[in-house]
Amino acid sequence: MKYRVINNSNLDMDKFRPLLKSFLPFVRQKMGFDRPVSIHFVSDPENSENMLGKTAHYDPGADSVSIYTDQRHPKDILRSLSHELVHHTQNCRGDLDQNPHMGEDYFQHDEYMKEMEREAYENGNMVFRDWEEKYKKQLQESTYYTGEKPMKRIDSRRNTLNSLLMEKFGYIAKKEEGITHLCAMLVTEAATGKVGHPINHTLLKDGTVTHYDVEFDDIIVEGMPVDALEVEVQKEHMHAEGEEDYEHDVTKTRMQYEGSEEELEEGAFAGDSKLDADEDGAPEWGDEDDNDPEVQQESKIREAIRQALRGT
């Protein structure tokens, strides 16, 4: 299912997008709505100064949710979104087909809509709380989660170059040979929205990772292809092929990945560039131009140092 998200506010989508990618499929699975919904993030500074200002509303005719974001915590924004998605679920069920009173004072005059609101408050809060606790638990279980963006590749290569020089002149101990590669530390399964952390992965000689073994809240799934996962946190590191599993819950059931009959499409985020337009496993801000003379020169220097180190 596609979700059209329009950001007309100061909400930082680079930070908020991973939450949405996990939250939306989770909510759809719990609530059961069967039609796409448009989500508008709206800025209204005057409304934000009103102590009893608007927080969100749902348009049943357009299958559209609007969320006011000014001076609000991301958790509060998601809680409002959860509430409005209950109304979207009601609309998909046909509960709003009788054109109920929708004015600002409907809660005082329409018993039917009062019951719709009761369900939205109760179910919206409970589903949000359920998602929040599962999401935070997965973050805590990921022993590699840092809360920071991975560094740009060119910065990472400079660090590698510095390390090689330090090893060459004896300032630090020489590391064991391995393959430098980008490794996912936290992932979301695209089809289900489940969050997990990899405990092992394949590794080709060129540093390419094709499959991960992922520990989820209730199970460990082996051999998950990279294109079935959304990478939330990744890190460049070095090790040899065939490493042992990282720390995990050994009591959990393990199963082989069997694919999915449904693929979740998160849709376009208007006004935002794609995180990984070239699908190379790194975010766009981390990409570099291989034709850049500086990049080419650093590559030559790095290779020369590697050759020198091998000869010592």
C-alpha atoms as a PDB file:
ATOM      1  CA  MET A   1       0.000   0.000   0.000  1.00  0.00           C
ATOM      2  CA  LYS A   2       1.262   3.459  -0.864  1.00  0.00           C
ATOM      3  CA  TYR A   3       1.109   6.369   1.553  1.00  0.00           C
ATOM      4  CA  ARG A   4       1.288   9.850   0.070  1.00  0.00           C
ATOM      5  CA  VAL A   5       3.027  12.118   2.558  1.00  0.00           C
ATOM      6  CA  ILE A   6       3.122  15.870   1.945  1.00  0.00           C
ATOM      7  CA  ASN A   7       5.345  17.906   4.218  1.00  0.00           C
ATOM      8  CA  ASN A   8       4.352  21.577   4.280  1.00  0.00           C
ATOM      9  CA  SER A   9       5.896  22.191   7.679  1.00  0.00           C
ATOM     10  CA  ASN A  10       9.303  22.497   9.319  1.00  0.00           C
ATOM     11  CA  LEU A  11       9.249  18.803  10.256  1.00  0.00           C
ATOM     12  CA  ASP A  12      12.643  17.200   9.554  1.00  0.00           C
ATOM     13  CA  MET A  13      11.669  14.270   7.334  1.00  0.00           C
ATOM     14  CA  ASP A  14      15.181  12.818   7.339  1.00  0.00           C
ATOM     15  CA  LYS A  15      14.718  12.093  11.049  1.00  0.00           C
ATOM     16  CA  PHE A  16      10.972  11.453  10.956  1.00  0.00           C
ATOM     17  CA  ARG A  17      10.845   9.199   7.881  1.00  0.00           C
ATOM     18  CA  PRO A  18      12.248   6.051   9.570  1.00  0.00           C
ATOM     19  CA  LEU A  19       9.545   6.333  12.236  1.00  0.00           C
ATOM     20  CA  LEU A  20       6.830   6.621   9.590  1.00  0.00           C
ATOM     21  CA  LYS A  21       8.173   3.678   7.619  1.00  0.00           C
ATOM     22  CA  SER A  22       7.888   1.523  10.699  1.00  0.00           C
ATOM     23  CA  PHE A  23       4.701   3.049  12.122  1.00  0.00           C
ATOM     24  CA  LEU A  24       2.400   3.118   9.059  1.00  0.00           C
ATOM     25  CA  PRO A  25       2.482  -0.588   8.111  1.00  0.00           C
ATOM     26  CA  PHE A  26       2.246  -1.520  11.802  1.00  0.00           C
ATOM     27  CA  VAL A  27      -0.878   0.613  12.220  1.00  0.00           C
ATOM     28  CA  ARG A  28      -2.470  -0.718   9.038  1.00  0.00           C
ATOM     29  CA  GLN A  29      -1.917  -4.285  10.236  1.00  0.00           C
ATOM     30  CA  LYS A  30      -3.442  -3.517  13.639  1.00  0.00           C
ATOM     31  CA  MET A  31      -6.376  -1.368  12.462  1.00  0.00           C
ATOM     32  CA  GLY A  32      -7.159  -3.085   9.178  1.00  0.00           C
ATOM     33  CA  PHE A  33      -7.842  -0.117   6.885  1.00  0.00           C
ATOM     34  CA  ASP A  34      -7.792  -1.162   3.231  1.00  0.00           C
ATOM     35  CA  ARG A  35      -7.505   2.117   1.290  1.00  0.00           C
ATOM     36  CA  PRO A  36      -4.473   4.389   0.859  1.00  0.00           C
ATOM     37  CA  VAL A  37      -4.441   7.572   2.902  1.00  0.00           C
ATOM     38  CA  SER A  38      -2.796  10.933   2.246  1.00  0.00           C
ATOM     39  CA  ILE A  39      -0.949  12.492   5.172  1.00  0.00           C
ATOM     40  CA  HIS A  40      -0.350  16.246   5.251  1.00  0.00           C
ATOM     41  CA  PHE A  41       2.041  17.775   7.760  1.00  0.00           C
ATOM     42  CA  VAL A  42       0.936  21.375   8.198  1.00  0.00           C
ATOM     43  CA  SER A  43       2.556  24.456   9.721  1.00  0.00           C
ATOM     44  CA  ASP A  44       0.288  27.075  11.319  1.00  0.00           C
ATOM     45  CA  PRO A  45       2.249  29.292  13.740  1.00  0.00           C
ATOM     46  CA  GLU A  46      -0.855  31.213  14.816  1.00  0.00           C
ATOM     47  CA  ASN A  47      -2.635  27.958  15.688  1.00  0.00           C
ATOM     48  CA  SER A  48       0.389  26.779  17.688  1.00  0.00           C
ATOM     49  CA  GLU A  49       0.135  29.846  19.945  1.00  0.00           C
ATOM     50  CA  ASN A  50      -3.463  28.957  20.820  1.00  0.00           C
ATOM     51  CA  MET A  51      -3.456  26.889  24.019  1.00  0.00           C
ATOM     52  CA  LEU A  52      -6.468  24.933  22.699  1.00  0.00           C
ATOM     53  CA  GLY A  53      -5.503  25.030  19.042  1.00  0.00           C
ATOM     54  CA  LYS A  54      -6.093  22.295  16.473  1.00  0.00           C
ATOM     55  CA  THR A  55      -3.797  19.270  16.459  1.00  0.00           C
ATOM     56  CA  ALA A  56      -5.153  17.220  13.536  1.00  0.00           C
ATOM     57  CA  HIS A  57      -8.254  16.405  11.479  1.00  0.00           C
ATOM     58  CA  TYR A  58      -9.490  13.792   9.024  1.00  0.00           C
ATOM     59  CA  ASP A  59     -11.296  14.447   5.722  1.00  0.00           C
ATOM     60  CA  PRO A  60     -13.423  11.352   4.945  1.00  0.00           C
ATOM     61  CA  GLY A  61     -14.230  12.558   1.430  1.00  0.00           C
ATOM     62  CA  ALA A  62     -10.568  12.754   0.440  1.00  0.00           C
ATOM     63  CA  ASP A  63      -9.142   9.930   2.611  1.00  0.00           C
ATOM     64  CA  SER A  64      -6.803  12.576   3.948  1.00  0.00           C
ATOM     65  CA  VAL A  65      -5.224  13.302   7.339  1.00  0.00           C
ATOM     66  CA  SER A  66      -3.800  16.709   8.288  1.00  0.00           C
ATOM     67  CA  ILE A  67      -1.418  16.999  11.245  1.00  0.00           C
ATOM     68  CA  TYR A  68      -0.304  20.331  12.723  1.00  0.00           C
ATOM     69  CA  THR A  69       3.370  20.081  13.676  1.00  0.00           C
ATOM     70  CA  ASP A  70       4.520  23.428  15.093  1.00  0.00           C
ATOM     71  CA  GLN A  71       6.183  23.155  18.541  1.00  0.00           C
ATOM     72  CA  ARG A  72       5.168  19.510  18.944  1.00  0.00           C
ATOM     73  CA  HIS A  73       7.230  16.486  19.967  1.00  0.00           C
ATOM     74  CA  PRO A  74       7.467  13.748  17.282  1.00  0.00           C
ATOM     75  CA  LYS A  75       5.745  11.307  19.669  1.00  0.00           C
ATOM     76  CA  ASP A  76       2.795  13.667  19.970  1.00  0.00           C
ATOM     77  CA  ILE A  77       2.627  13.995  16.182  1.00  0.00           C
ATOM     78  CA  LEU A  78       2.555  10.216  15.769  1.00  0.00           C
ATOM     79  CA  ARG A  79      -0.081   9.901  18.495  1.00  0.00           C
ATOM     80  CA  SER A  80      -2.312  12.348  16.596  1.00  0.00           C
ATOM     81  CA  LEU A  81      -1.674  10.446  13.376  1.00  0.00           C
ATOM     82  CA  SER A  82      -2.701   7.205  15.083  1.00  0.00           C
ATOM     83  CA  HIS A  83      -5.950   8.832  16.267  1.00  0.00           C
ATOM     84  CA  GLU A  84      -6.811  10.088  12.776  1.00  0.00           C
ATOM     85  CA  LEU A  85      -5.994   6.726  11.197  1.00  0.00           C
ATOM     86  CA  VAL A  86      -8.706   5.199  13.386  1.00  0.00           C
ATOM     87  CA  HIS A  87     -11.122   7.617  11.692  1.00  0.00           C
ATOM     88  CA  HIS A  88      -9.724   6.484   8.338  1.00  0.00           C
ATOM     89  CA  THR A  89     -10.379   2.892   9.393  1.00  0.00           C
ATOM     90  CA  GLN A  90     -13.951   3.839  10.335  1.00  0.00           C
ATOM     91  CA  ASN A  91     -14.356   5.449   6.929  1.00  0.00           C
ATOM     92  CA  CYS A  92     -13.077   2.306   5.180  1.00  0.00           C
ATOM     93  CA  ARG A  93     -15.602   0.247   7.183  1.00  0.00           C
ATOM     94  CA  GLY A  94     -18.424   2.535   6.055  1.00  0.00           C
ATOM     95  CA  ASP A  95     -19.039   3.912   9.555  1.00  0.00           C
ATOM     96  CA  LEU A  96     -18.940   7.498   8.278  1.00  0.00           C
ATOM     97  CA  ASP A  97     -21.237   6.964   5.279  1.00  0.00           C
ATOM     98  CA  GLN A  98     -24.293   8.405   7.030  1.00  0.00           C
ATOM     99  CA  ASN A  99     -22.815  11.933   6.815  1.00  0.00           C
ATOM    100  CA  PRO A 100     -22.767  12.580  10.563  1.00  0.00           C
ATOM    101  CA  HIS A 101     -22.523  16.040  12.065  1.00  0.00           C
ATOM    102  CA  MET A 102     -18.888  17.108  11.608  1.00  0.00           C
ATOM    103  CA  GLY A 103     -18.910  20.678  12.974  1.00  0.00           C
ATOM    104  CA  GLU A 104     -16.629  21.850  15.753  1.00  0.00           C
ATOM    105  CA  ASP A 105     -19.293  21.059  18.383  1.00  0.00           C
ATOM    106  CA  TYR A 106     -20.258  17.619  17.035  1.00  0.00           C
ATOM    107  CA  PHE A 107     -19.021  15.928  20.201  1.00  0.00           C
ATOM    108  CA  GLN A 108     -21.745  17.635  22.256  1.00  0.00           C
ATOM    109  CA  HIS A 109     -24.640  16.981  19.869  1.00  0.00           C
ATOM    110  CA  ASP A 110     -24.059  13.703  18.032  1.00  0.00           C
ATOM    111  CA  GLU A 111     -24.017  10.523  20.136  1.00  0.00           C
ATOM    112  CA  TYR A 112     -22.981   8.418  17.146  1.00  0.00           C
ATOM    113  CA  MET A 113     -19.913  10.575  16.478  1.00  0.00           C
ATOM    114  CA  LYS A 114     -19.147  10.623  20.185  1.00  0.00           C
ATOM    115  CA  GLU A 115     -18.795   6.827  19.968  1.00  0.00           C
ATOM    116  CA  MET A 116     -16.558   7.219  16.895  1.00  0.00           C
ATOM    117  CA  GLU A 117     -14.355   9.575  18.926  1.00  0.00           C
ATOM    118  CA  ARG A 118     -14.258   7.195  21.860  1.00  0.00           C
ATOM    119  CA  GLU A 119     -12.927   4.458  19.581  1.00  0.00           C
ATOM    120  CA  ALA A 120     -10.362   6.846  18.050  1.00  0.00           C
ATOM    121  CA  TYR A 121      -9.027   7.947  21.435  1.00  0.00           C
ATOM    122  CA  GLU A 122      -8.941   4.454  22.874  1.00  0.00           C
ATOM    123  CA  ASN A 123      -7.694   2.463  19.904  1.00  0.00           C
ATOM    124  CA  GLY A 124      -5.421   5.203  18.582  1.00  0.00           C
ATOM    125  CA  ASN A 125      -3.575   5.539  21.888  1.00  0.00           C
ATOM    126  CA  MET A 126      -3.326   1.793  22.459  1.00  0.00           C
ATOM    127  CA  VAL A 127      -1.972   1.050  18.967  1.00  0.00           C
ATOM    128  CA  PHE A 128       0.533   3.883  19.248  1.00  0.00           C
ATOM    129  CA  ARG A 129       1.698   2.639  22.656  1.00  0.00           C
ATOM    130  CA  ASP A 130       2.022  -0.918  21.321  1.00  0.00           C
ATOM    131  CA  TRP A 131       4.151   0.265  18.388  1.00  0.00           C
ATOM    132  CA  GLU A 132       6.258   2.595  20.553  1.00  0.00           C
ATOM    133  CA  GLU A 133       7.247  -0.083  23.039  1.00  0.00           C
ATOM    134  CA  LYS A 134       8.124  -2.612  20.324  1.00  0.00           C
ATOM    135  CA  TYR A 135      10.130  -0.021  18.387  1.00  0.00           C
ATOM    136  CA  LYS A 136      12.089   1.166  21.436  1.00  0.00           C
ATOM    137  CA  LYS A 137      12.768  -2.422  22.485  1.00  0.00           C
ATOM    138  CA  GLN A 138      14.325  -3.165  19.113  1.00  0.00           C
ATOM    139  CA  LEU A 139      16.482  -0.049  19.351  1.00  0.00           C
ATOM    140  CA  GLN A 140      17.685  -1.076  22.792  1.00  0.00           C
ATOM    141  CA  GLU A 141      18.409  -4.640  21.674  1.00  0.00           C
ATOM    142  CA  SER A 142      20.571  -3.463  18.801  1.00  0.00           C
ATOM    143  CA  THR A 143      24.040  -3.493  20.354  1.00  0.00           C
ATOM    144  CA  TYR A 144      25.325  -1.409  17.461  1.00  0.00           C
ATOM    145  CA  TYR A 145      22.776   1.397  17.588  1.00  0.00           C
ATOM    146  CA  THR A 146      24.458   4.756  18.061  1.00  0.00           C
ATOM    147  CA  GLY A 147      21.651   7.220  17.349  1.00  0.00           C
ATOM    148  CA  GLU A 148      23.889   8.984  14.838  1.00  0.00           C
ATOM    149  CA  LYS A 149      23.960   9.008  11.075  1.00  0.00           C
ATOM    150  CA  PRO A 150      26.723   6.966   9.468  1.00  0.00           C
ATOM    151  CA  MET A 151      29.557   9.152   8.270  1.00  0.00           C
ATOM    152  CA  LYS A 152      29.945  10.070   4.632  1.00  0.00           C
ATOM    153  CA  ARG A 153      31.965   7.556   2.670  1.00  0.00           C
ATOM    154  CA  ILE A 154      34.681  10.055   1.854  1.00  0.00           C
ATOM    155  CA  ASP A 155      35.067  10.874   5.570  1.00  0.00           C
ATOM    156  CA  SER A 156      35.152   7.176   6.376  1.00  0.00           C
ATOM    157  CA  ARG A 157      37.859   6.583   3.783  1.00  0.00           C
ATOM    158  CA  ARG A 158      39.905   9.425   5.238  1.00  0.00           C
ATOM    159  CA  ASN A 159      39.644   7.793   8.650  1.00  0.00           C
ATOM    160  CA  THR A 160      40.767   4.493   7.128  1.00  0.00           C
ATOM    161  CA  LEU A 161      43.697   6.267   5.486  1.00  0.00           C
ATOM    162  CA  ASN A 162      44.699   7.839   8.805  1.00  0.00           C
ATOM    163  CA  SER A 163      44.503   4.444  10.523  1.00  0.00           C
ATOM    164  CA  LEU A 164      46.782   2.892   7.903  1.00  0.00           C
ATOM    165  CA  LEU A 165      49.341   5.653   8.397  1.00  0.00           C
ATOM    166  CA  MET A 166      49.186   5.228  12.183  1.00  0.00           C
ATOM    167  CA  GLU A 167      49.725   1.481  11.788  1.00  0.00           C
ATOM    168  CA  LYS A 168      52.601   2.043   9.369  1.00  0.00           C
ATOM    169  CA  PHE A 169      54.527   4.197  11.830  1.00  0.00           C
ATOM    170  CA  GLY A 170      53.702   2.073  14.867  1.00  0.00           C
ATOM    171  CA  TYR A 171      51.375   4.435  16.712  1.00  0.00           C
ATOM    172  CA  ILE A 172      48.585   1.851  16.840  1.00  0.00           C
ATOM    173  CA  ALA A 173      48.527  -1.946  16.602  1.00  0.00           C
ATOM    174  CA  LYS A 174      48.047  -3.385  13.150  1.00  0.00           C
ATOM    175  CA  LYS A 175      44.570  -4.725  12.565  1.00  0.00           C
ATOM    176  CA  GLU A 176      43.872  -8.170  11.218  1.00  0.00           C
ATOM    177  CA  GLU A 177      43.085  -8.308   7.531  1.00  0.00           C
ATOM    178  CA  GLY A 178      39.398  -8.146   6.661  1.00  0.00           C
ATOM    179  CA  ILE A 179      36.928  -6.715   4.185  1.00  0.00           C
ATOM    180  CA  THR A 180      35.718  -3.164   4.727  1.00  0.00           C
ATOM    181  CA  HIS A 181      31.999  -2.845   4.071  1.00  0.00           C
ATOM    182  CA  LEU A 182      28.800  -1.069   5.045  1.00  0.00           C
ATOM    183  CA  CYS A 183      26.771  -3.187   7.445  1.00  0.00           C
ATOM    184  CA  ALA A 184      23.169  -2.611   8.556  1.00  0.00           C
ATOM    185  CA  MET A 185      22.816  -2.260  12.326  1.00  0.00           C
ATOM    186  CA  LEU A 186      19.041  -1.709  12.442  1.00  0.00           C
ATOM    187  CA  VAL A 187      16.502  -2.665   9.765  1.00  0.00           C
ATOM    188  CA  THR A 188      12.778  -2.661   9.066  1.00  0.00           C
ATOM    189  CA  GLU A 189      11.172  -5.467   7.073  1.00  0.00           C
ATOM    190  CA  ALA A 190       9.523  -3.637   4.162  1.00  0.00           C
ATOM    191  CA  ALA A 191       6.507  -5.947   3.929  1.00  0.00           C
ATOM    192  CA  THR A 192       5.509  -5.899   7.609  1.00  0.00           C
ATOM    193  CA  GLY A 193       7.117  -2.882   9.279  1.00  0.00           C
ATOM    194  CA  LYS A 194       8.777  -5.147  11.862  1.00  0.00           C
ATOM    195  CA  VAL A 195      11.993  -3.689  13.274  1.00  0.00           C
ATOM    196  CA  GLY A 196      14.991  -5.908  13.951  1.00  0.00           C
ATOM    197  CA  HIS A 197      18.761  -5.945  14.134  1.00  0.00           C
ATOM    198  CA  PRO A 198      21.029  -8.124  11.979  1.00  0.00           C
ATOM    199  CA  ILE A 199      23.100 -10.752  13.758  1.00  0.00           C
ATOM    200  CA  ASN A 200      24.986 -11.997  10.682  1.00  0.00           C
ATOM    201  CA  HIS A 201      25.250 -11.435   6.949  1.00  0.00           C
ATOM    202  CA  THR A 202      26.811 -12.664   3.759  1.00  0.00           C
ATOM    203  CA  LEU A 203      29.961 -10.874   2.601  1.00  0.00           C
ATOM    204  CA  LEU A 204      31.441 -10.947  -0.889  1.00  0.00           C
ATOM    205  CA  LYS A 205      35.094 -10.158  -1.518  1.00  0.00           C
ATOM    206  CA  ASP A 206      34.201  -6.735  -2.922  1.00  0.00           C
ATOM    207  CA  GLY A 207      32.399  -5.827   0.312  1.00  0.00           C
ATOM    208  CA  THR A 208      28.877  -6.406  -0.996  1.00  0.00           C
ATOM    209  CA  VAL A 209      26.289  -7.687   1.491  1.00  0.00           C
ATOM    210  CA  THR A 210      23.423  -9.585  -0.148  1.00  0.00           C
ATOM    211  CA  HIS A 211      21.545 -11.244   2.755  1.00  0.00           C
ATOM    212  CA  TYR A 212      21.100 -10.751   6.487  1.00  0.00           C
ATOM    213  CA  ASP A 213      20.085 -12.958   9.404  1.00  0.00           C
ATOM    214  CA  VAL A 214      17.789 -10.653  11.392  1.00  0.00           C
ATOM    215  CA  GLU A 215      16.613 -10.925  14.994  1.00  0.00           C
ATOM    216  CA  PHE A 216      13.075  -9.584  15.448  1.00  0.00           C
ATOM    217  CA  ASP A 217      11.045  -9.276  18.635  1.00  0.00           C
ATOM    218  CA  ASP A 218       9.746 -12.856  18.420  1.00  0.00           C
ATOM    219  CA  ILE A 219      11.897 -14.730  15.902  1.00  0.00           C
ATOM    220  CA  ILE A 220      15.195 -14.838  14.001  1.00  0.00           C
ATOM    221  CA  VAL A 221      14.826 -14.924  10.217  1.00  0.00           C
ATOM    222  CA  GLU A 222      17.835 -16.191   8.273  1.00  0.00           C
ATOM    223  CA  GLY A 223      18.811 -15.268   4.725  1.00  0.00           C
ATOM    224  CA  MET A 224      16.708 -12.125   4.278  1.00  0.00           C
ATOM    225  CA  PRO A 225      17.644 -10.427   0.970  1.00  0.00           C
ATOM    226  CA  VAL A 226      18.746  -6.813   1.202  1.00  0.00           C
ATOM    227  CA  ASP A 227      15.892  -5.618  -1.024  1.00  0.00           C
ATOM    228  CA  ALA A 228      13.356  -6.982   1.503  1.00  0.00           C
ATOM    229  CA  LEU A 229      14.710  -4.636   4.186  1.00  0.00           C
ATOM    230  CA  GLU A 230      14.802  -0.909   4.846  1.00  0.00           C
ATOM    231  CA  VAL A 231      18.116   0.051   6.461  1.00  0.00           C
ATOM    232  CA  GLU A 232      17.578   2.470   9.361  1.00  0.00           C
ATOM    233  CA  VAL A 233      21.122   2.503  10.806  1.00  0.00           C
ATOM    234  CA  GLN A 234      24.311   1.338   9.124  1.00  0.00           C
ATOM    235  CA  LYS A 235      27.995   1.410   9.932  1.00  0.00           C
ATOM    236  CA  GLU A 236      31.214   0.841   8.041  1.00  0.00           C
ATOM    237  CA  HIS A 237      33.486  -1.727   9.624  1.00  0.00           C
ATOM    238  CA  MET A 238      35.918  -4.496   8.715  1.00  0.00           C
ATOM    239  CA  HIS A 239      35.980  -8.226   9.302  1.00  0.00           C
ATOM    240  CA  ALA A 240      36.653 -11.414   7.403  1.00  0.00           C
ATOM    241  CA  GLU A 241      34.085 -13.611   5.685  1.00  0.00           C
ATOM    242  CA  GLY A 242      32.207 -16.204   7.710  1.00  0.00           C
ATOM    243  CA  GLU A 243      32.047 -14.397  11.059  1.00  0.00           C
ATOM    244  CA  GLU A 244      30.144 -15.884  13.995  1.00  0.00           C
ATOM    245  CA  ASP A 245      26.697 -14.492  14.901  1.00  0.00           C
ATOM    246  CA  TYR A 246      26.624 -11.272  16.885  1.00  0.00           C
ATOM    247  CA  GLU A 247      25.108 -11.363  20.363  1.00  0.00           C
ATOM    248  CA  HIS A 248      21.438 -12.392  20.267  1.00  0.00           C
ATOM    249  CA  ASP A 249      18.714 -14.272  22.134  1.00  0.00           C
ATOM    250  CA  VAL A 250      19.632 -17.923  21.558  1.00  0.00           C
ATOM    251  CA  THR A 251      16.206 -19.088  22.823  1.00  0.00           C
ATOM    252  CA  LYS A 252      14.360 -17.538  19.868  1.00  0.00           C
ATOM    253  CA  THR A 253      13.111 -19.748  17.045  1.00  0.00           C
ATOM    254  CA  ARG A 254      15.098 -19.510  13.803  1.00  0.00           C
ATOM    255  CA  MET A 255      13.522 -19.854  10.365  1.00  0.00           C
ATOM    256  CA  GLN A 256      14.587 -19.376   6.768  1.00  0.00           C
ATOM    257  CA  TYR A 257      13.243 -16.387   4.851  1.00  0.00           C
ATOM    258  CA  GLU A 258      10.442 -17.423   2.497  1.00  0.00           C
ATOM    259  CA  GLY A 259       9.582 -14.084   0.927  1.00  0.00           C
ATOM    260  CA  SER A 260       6.283 -12.262   1.139  1.00  0.00           C
ATOM    261  CA  GLU A 261       3.161 -12.109  -0.999  1.00  0.00           C
ATOM    262  CA  GLU A 262       2.836  -8.378  -0.352  1.00  0.00           C
ATOM    263  CA  GLU A 263       5.424  -5.674  -0.656  1.00  0.00           C
ATOM    264  CA  LEU A 264       4.869  -2.424   1.184  1.00  0.00           C
ATOM    265  CA  GLU A 265       5.472   0.658  -0.902  1.00  0.00           C
ATOM    266  CA  GLU A 266       5.970   3.683   1.256  1.00  0.00           C
ATOM    267  CA  GLY A 267       5.256   6.041  -1.639  1.00  0.00           C
ATOM    268  CA  ALA A 268       6.706   9.429  -2.464  1.00  0.00           C
ATOM    269  CA  PHE A 269       7.458  12.043   0.155  1.00  0.00           C
ATOM    270  CA  ALA A 270       6.674  15.303  -1.604  1.00  0.00           C
ATOM    271  CA  GLY A 271       9.443  17.851  -1.318  1.00  0.00           C
ATOM    272  CA  ASP A 272      12.001  15.310  -0.124  1.00  0.00           C
ATOM    273  CA  SER A 273      14.809  13.662  -2.063  1.00  0.00           C
ATOM    274  CA  LYS A 274      14.956   9.881  -1.974  1.00  0.00           C
ATOM    275  CA  LEU A 275      17.186   8.543   0.788  1.00  0.00           C
ATOM    276  CA  ASP A 276      19.014   6.186  -1.575  1.00  0.00           C
ATOM    277  CA  ALA A 277      18.217   7.142  -5.169  1.00  0.00           C
ATOM    278  CA  ASP A 278      20.926   4.928  -6.678  1.00  0.00           C
ATOM    279  CA  GLU A 279      20.020   2.004  -4.383  1.00  0.00           C
ATOM    280  CA  ASP A 280      23.641   1.395  -3.451  1.00  0.00           C
ATOM    281  CA  GLY A 281      22.856   0.820   0.215  1.00  0.00           C
ATOM    282  CA  ALA A 282      24.044   4.252   1.334  1.00  0.00           C
ATOM    283  CA  PRO A 283      21.991   7.430   1.782  1.00  0.00           C
ATOM    284  CA  GLU A 284      22.303  10.127  -0.868  1.00  0.00           C
ATOM    285  CA  TRP A 285      24.150  12.485   1.465  1.00  0.00           C
ATOM    286  CA  GLY A 286      26.765   9.750   1.868  1.00  0.00           C
ATOM    287  CA  ASP A 287      27.375   9.224  -1.850  1.00  0.00           C
ATOM    288  CA  GLU A 288      30.376  10.616  -3.596  1.00  0.00           C
ATOM    289  CA  ASP A 289      31.378  11.243  -7.185  1.00  0.00           C
ATOM    290  CA  ASP A 290      33.830   8.582  -8.375  1.00  0.00           C
ATOM    291  CA  ASN A 291      34.983  11.057 -11.064  1.00  0.00           C
ATOM    292  CA  ASP A 292      35.937  13.619  -8.427  1.00  0.00           C
ATOM    293  CA  PRO A 293      39.733  14.181  -8.697  1.00  0.00           C
ATOM    294  CA  GLU A 294      40.004  14.330  -4.882  1.00  0.00           C
ATOM    295  CA  VAL A 295      38.302  10.960  -4.552  1.00  0.00           C
ATOM    296  CA  GLN A 296      40.519   9.438  -7.255  1.00  0.00           C
ATOM    297  CA  GLN A 297      43.670  10.815  -5.633  1.00  0.00           C
ATOM    298  CA  GLU A 298      42.721   9.494  -2.181  1.00  0.00           C
ATOM    299  CA  SER A 299      41.971   6.108  -3.711  1.00  0.00           C
ATOM    300  CA  LYS A 300      45.441   5.977  -5.276  1.00  0.00           C
ATOM    301  CA  ILE A 301      47.133   7.024  -2.009  1.00  0.00           C
ATOM    302  CA  ARG A 302      45.167   4.455  -0.039  1.00  0.00           C
ATOM    303  CA  GLU A 303      46.100   1.668  -2.447  1.00  0.00           C
ATOM    304  CA  ALA A 304      49.779   2.684  -2.384  1.00  0.00           C
ATOM    305  CA  ILE A 305      49.809   2.539   1.417  1.00  0.00           C
ATOM    306  CA  ARG A 306      48.114  -0.863   1.389  1.00  0.00           C
ATOM    307  CA  GLN A 307      50.793  -2.155  -0.991  1.00  0.00           C
ATOM    308  CA  ALA A 308      53.508  -0.743   1.249  1.00  0.00           C
ATOM    309  CA  LEU A 309      51.981  -2.347   4.334  1.00  0.00           C
ATOM    310  CA  ARG A 310      51.789  -5.730   2.647  1.00  0.00           C
ATOM    311  CA  GLY A 311      55.492  -5.491   1.869  1.00  0.00           C
ATOM    312  CA  THR A 312      56.532  -4.883   5.491  1.00  0.00           C
END
